[in-house]
Amino acid sequence: MAQQQQQPGQPVPQPVPKKGSIWRTVKAVGWGFFGVRKNSAYQEDIARLTPLHIILVGLVAVVLFVVGLVLFVKLVVAP
């Protein structure tokens, strides 16, 4: 594969720094739960978020979801 030659006077493309915030990770995991995501936003999240943060936020979200379902069922079934 041929690499592009850098022309004089053109800016050098810089890699996107990983600056993912917790809120951005929570939003990405939330959209993942619904299964709805723009491809451009997905690609941006891949470039900025770390896999460890996504896994941790995902596990916390699953625990909260299960606890919420259990509490909801107890509330509905309770006499």
N, C-alpha and C. Protein backbone atom coordinates (compact mmCIF):
# COMPACT_ATOMS: atom_id res chain seq x y z
N MET A 1 0.85 -1.17 0.00
CA MET A 1 0.00 0.00 0.00
C MET A 1 0.90 1.24 0.00
N ALA A 2 0.62 2.15 -0.87
CA ALA A 2 1.44 3.35 -1.02
C ALA A 2 1.06 4.37 0.05
N GLN A 3 2.07 4.99 0.62
CA GLN A 3 1.82 6.04 1.60
C GLN A 3 1.76 7.38 0.88
N GLN A 4 0.95 8.28 1.43
CA GLN A 4 0.85 9.60 0.83
C GLN A 4 2.09 10.40 1.15
N GLN A 5 2.57 11.15 0.15
CA GLN A 5 3.71 12.00 0.34
C GLN A 5 3.25 13.31 0.96
N GLN A 6 4.00 13.80 1.93
CA GLN A 6 3.67 15.06 2.59
C GLN A 6 4.14 16.21 1.71
N GLN A 7 3.23 17.07 1.31
CA GLN A 7 3.56 18.22 0.50
C GLN A 7 4.04 19.36 1.40
N PRO A 8 5.00 20.14 0.95
CA PRO A 8 5.45 21.28 1.76
C PRO A 8 4.30 22.27 1.98
N GLY A 9 4.18 22.73 3.20
CA GLY A 9 3.15 23.72 3.52
C GLY A 9 1.84 23.10 3.99
N GLN A 10 1.69 21.78 3.87
CA GLN A 10 0.47 21.12 4.36
C GLN A 10 0.65 20.77 5.83
N PRO A 11 -0.43 20.90 6.61
CA PRO A 11 -0.32 20.52 8.02
C PRO A 11 -0.19 19.01 8.16
N VAL A 12 0.56 18.59 9.15
CA VAL A 12 0.74 17.17 9.41
C VAL A 12 -0.47 16.68 10.20
N PRO A 13 -1.17 15.65 9.72
CA PRO A 13 -2.33 15.15 10.46
C PRO A 13 -1.90 14.55 11.79
N GLN A 14 -2.59 14.95 12.84
CA GLN A 14 -2.29 14.48 14.18
C GLN A 14 -3.28 13.38 14.55
N PRO A 15 -2.84 12.35 15.28
CA PRO A 15 -3.78 11.33 15.73
C PRO A 15 -4.74 11.91 16.77
N VAL A 16 -5.95 11.37 16.80
CA VAL A 16 -6.95 11.84 17.75
C VAL A 16 -6.57 11.36 19.14
N PRO A 17 -6.40 12.30 20.09
CA PRO A 17 -6.04 11.87 21.44
C PRO A 17 -7.22 11.20 22.12
N LYS A 18 -6.92 10.23 22.99
CA LYS A 18 -7.98 9.56 23.73
C LYS A 18 -8.34 10.45 24.91
N LYS A 19 -9.41 11.20 24.77
CA LYS A 19 -9.89 12.06 25.83
C LYS A 19 -11.35 11.71 26.10
N GLY A 20 -11.60 10.50 26.51
CA GLY A 20 -12.96 10.08 26.80
C GLY A 20 -13.32 10.42 28.22
N SER A 21 -14.46 11.01 28.40
CA SER A 21 -14.92 11.31 29.74
C SER A 21 -15.87 10.21 30.20
N ILE A 22 -16.14 10.19 31.48
CA ILE A 22 -17.08 9.20 32.01
C ILE A 22 -18.46 9.42 31.41
N TRP A 23 -18.88 10.68 31.29
CA TRP A 23 -20.20 10.95 30.73
C TRP A 23 -20.29 10.47 29.28
N ARG A 24 -19.26 10.68 28.52
CA ARG A 24 -19.25 10.23 27.12
C ARG A 24 -19.32 8.70 27.06
N THR A 25 -18.64 8.03 27.98
CA THR A 25 -18.68 6.57 28.04
C THR A 25 -20.07 6.09 28.43
N VAL A 26 -20.70 6.75 29.40
CA VAL A 26 -22.06 6.38 29.81
C VAL A 26 -23.03 6.54 28.65
N LYS A 27 -22.90 7.63 27.90
CA LYS A 27 -23.77 7.84 26.74
C LYS A 27 -23.55 6.75 25.69
N ALA A 28 -22.30 6.40 25.44
CA ALA A 28 -22.01 5.38 24.43
C ALA A 28 -22.57 4.03 24.84
N VAL A 29 -22.44 3.68 26.12
CA VAL A 29 -22.98 2.41 26.61
C VAL A 29 -24.51 2.44 26.58
N GLY A 30 -25.09 3.58 26.93
CA GLY A 30 -26.55 3.71 26.88
C GLY A 30 -27.09 3.52 25.48
N TRP A 31 -26.44 4.14 24.49
CA TRP A 31 -26.87 3.95 23.11
C TRP A 31 -26.67 2.51 22.69
N GLY A 32 -25.63 1.87 23.23
CA GLY A 32 -25.39 0.47 22.92
C GLY A 32 -26.49 -0.44 23.45
N PHE A 33 -27.04 -0.09 24.61
CA PHE A 33 -28.14 -0.87 25.17
C PHE A 33 -29.36 -0.80 24.25
N PHE A 34 -29.60 0.36 23.67
CA PHE A 34 -30.75 0.52 22.78
C PHE A 34 -30.45 0.00 21.37
N GLY A 35 -29.19 -0.10 21.03
CA GLY A 35 -28.80 -0.60 19.71
C GLY A 35 -28.96 0.42 18.61
N VAL A 36 -29.02 1.70 18.99
CA VAL A 36 -29.18 2.77 18.00
C VAL A 36 -27.98 3.69 18.12
N ARG A 37 -27.26 3.85 17.02
CA ARG A 37 -26.07 4.69 17.05
C ARG A 37 -25.72 5.10 15.64
N LYS A 38 -25.39 6.36 15.45
CA LYS A 38 -24.89 6.81 14.16
C LYS A 38 -23.49 6.23 13.95
N ASN A 39 -23.18 5.89 12.73
CA ASN A 39 -21.87 5.33 12.45
C ASN A 39 -20.76 6.34 12.74
N SER A 40 -21.00 7.61 12.45
CA SER A 40 -19.96 8.62 12.69
C SER A 40 -19.70 8.77 14.19
N ALA A 41 -20.75 8.74 15.01
CA ALA A 41 -20.56 8.84 16.46
C ALA A 41 -19.89 7.59 17.00
N TYR A 42 -20.24 6.44 16.42
CA TYR A 42 -19.61 5.18 16.82
C TYR A 42 -18.12 5.21 16.53
N GLN A 43 -17.74 5.67 15.35
CA GLN A 43 -16.32 5.75 14.98
C GLN A 43 -15.57 6.72 15.88
N GLU A 44 -16.22 7.83 16.23
CA GLU A 44 -15.59 8.80 17.13
C GLU A 44 -15.39 8.20 18.52
N ASP A 45 -16.38 7.43 18.99
CA ASP A 45 -16.25 6.78 20.30
C ASP A 45 -15.12 5.76 20.30
N ILE A 46 -14.98 5.03 19.20
CA ILE A 46 -13.90 4.05 19.11
C ILE A 46 -12.55 4.75 19.22
N ALA A 47 -12.44 5.91 18.61
CA ALA A 47 -11.17 6.64 18.62
C ALA A 47 -10.87 7.26 19.98
N ARG A 48 -11.89 7.62 20.73
CA ARG A 48 -11.66 8.38 21.96
C ARG A 48 -11.79 7.58 23.25
N LEU A 49 -12.64 6.58 23.29
CA LEU A 49 -12.91 5.87 24.55
C LEU A 49 -11.99 4.67 24.70
N THR A 50 -11.66 4.37 25.95
CA THR A 50 -10.83 3.20 26.21
C THR A 50 -11.71 1.99 26.50
N PRO A 51 -11.28 0.82 26.05
CA PRO A 51 -12.09 -0.38 26.26
C PRO A 51 -12.36 -0.67 27.74
N LEU A 52 -11.40 -0.40 28.60
CA LEU A 52 -11.59 -0.67 30.03
C LEU A 52 -12.74 0.17 30.59
N HIS A 53 -12.81 1.44 30.22
CA HIS A 53 -13.91 2.29 30.69
C HIS A 53 -15.25 1.79 30.18
N ILE A 54 -15.29 1.37 28.93
CA ILE A 54 -16.55 0.88 28.36
C ILE A 54 -17.00 -0.38 29.09
N ILE A 55 -16.06 -1.29 29.37
CA ILE A 55 -16.41 -2.53 30.07
C ILE A 55 -16.91 -2.24 31.48
N LEU A 56 -16.22 -1.37 32.20
CA LEU A 56 -16.63 -1.05 33.57
C LEU A 56 -17.99 -0.37 33.61
N VAL A 57 -18.22 0.60 32.75
CA VAL A 57 -19.51 1.29 32.72
C VAL A 57 -20.60 0.32 32.27
N GLY A 58 -20.29 -0.57 31.33
CA GLY A 58 -21.26 -1.57 30.89
C GLY A 58 -21.65 -2.51 32.00
N LEU A 59 -20.69 -2.97 32.80
CA LEU A 59 -21.01 -3.86 33.92
C LEU A 59 -21.86 -3.16 34.97
N VAL A 60 -21.54 -1.92 35.27
CA VAL A 60 -22.35 -1.15 36.23
C VAL A 60 -23.76 -0.96 35.69
N ALA A 61 -23.88 -0.67 34.40
CA ALA A 61 -25.20 -0.48 33.79
C ALA A 61 -26.02 -1.76 33.83
N VAL A 62 -25.39 -2.90 33.59
CA VAL A 62 -26.11 -4.18 33.65
C VAL A 62 -26.58 -4.46 35.06
N VAL A 63 -25.74 -4.23 36.06
CA VAL A 63 -26.14 -4.44 37.46
C VAL A 63 -27.31 -3.52 37.81
N LEU A 64 -27.24 -2.26 37.44
CA LEU A 64 -28.34 -1.33 37.73
C LEU A 64 -29.62 -1.75 37.01
N PHE A 65 -29.50 -2.24 35.79
CA PHE A 65 -30.67 -2.68 35.03
C PHE A 65 -31.32 -3.89 35.71
N VAL A 66 -30.53 -4.86 36.12
CA VAL A 66 -31.07 -6.06 36.77
C VAL A 66 -31.70 -5.71 38.12
N VAL A 67 -31.03 -4.88 38.90
CA VAL A 67 -31.59 -4.46 40.19
C VAL A 67 -32.89 -3.70 39.97
N GLY A 68 -32.94 -2.84 38.96
CA GLY A 68 -34.17 -2.11 38.66
C GLY A 68 -35.30 -3.04 38.26
N LEU A 69 -35.01 -4.06 37.45
CA LEU A 69 -36.03 -5.03 37.08
C LEU A 69 -36.54 -5.82 38.28
N VAL A 70 -35.63 -6.25 39.15
CA VAL A 70 -36.03 -7.00 40.35
C VAL A 70 -36.92 -6.13 41.24
N LEU A 71 -36.53 -4.88 41.44
CA LEU A 71 -37.35 -3.99 42.27
C LEU A 71 -38.71 -3.73 41.62
N PHE A 72 -38.75 -3.58 40.32
CA PHE A 72 -40.01 -3.36 39.62
C PHE A 72 -40.93 -4.56 39.76
N VAL A 73 -40.39 -5.76 39.61
CA VAL A 73 -41.20 -6.98 39.74
C VAL A 73 -41.70 -7.12 41.18
N LYS A 74 -40.87 -6.84 42.15
CA LYS A 74 -41.29 -6.92 43.55
C LYS A 74 -42.41 -5.91 43.82
N LEU A 75 -42.31 -4.74 43.23
CA LEU A 75 -43.33 -3.71 43.43
C LEU A 75 -44.65 -4.13 42.78
N VAL A 76 -44.60 -4.73 41.63
CA VAL A 76 -45.81 -5.14 40.91
C VAL A 76 -46.45 -6.34 41.56
N VAL A 77 -45.66 -7.30 42.03
CA VAL A 77 -46.19 -8.53 42.58
C VAL A 77 -46.59 -8.37 44.04
N ALA A 78 -46.06 -7.40 44.75
CA ALA A 78 -46.35 -7.21 46.17
C ALA A 78 -47.84 -6.96 46.39
N PRO A 79 -48.39 -7.58 47.47
CA PRO A 79 -49.83 -7.37 47.75
C PRO A 79 -50.18 -5.99 48.19
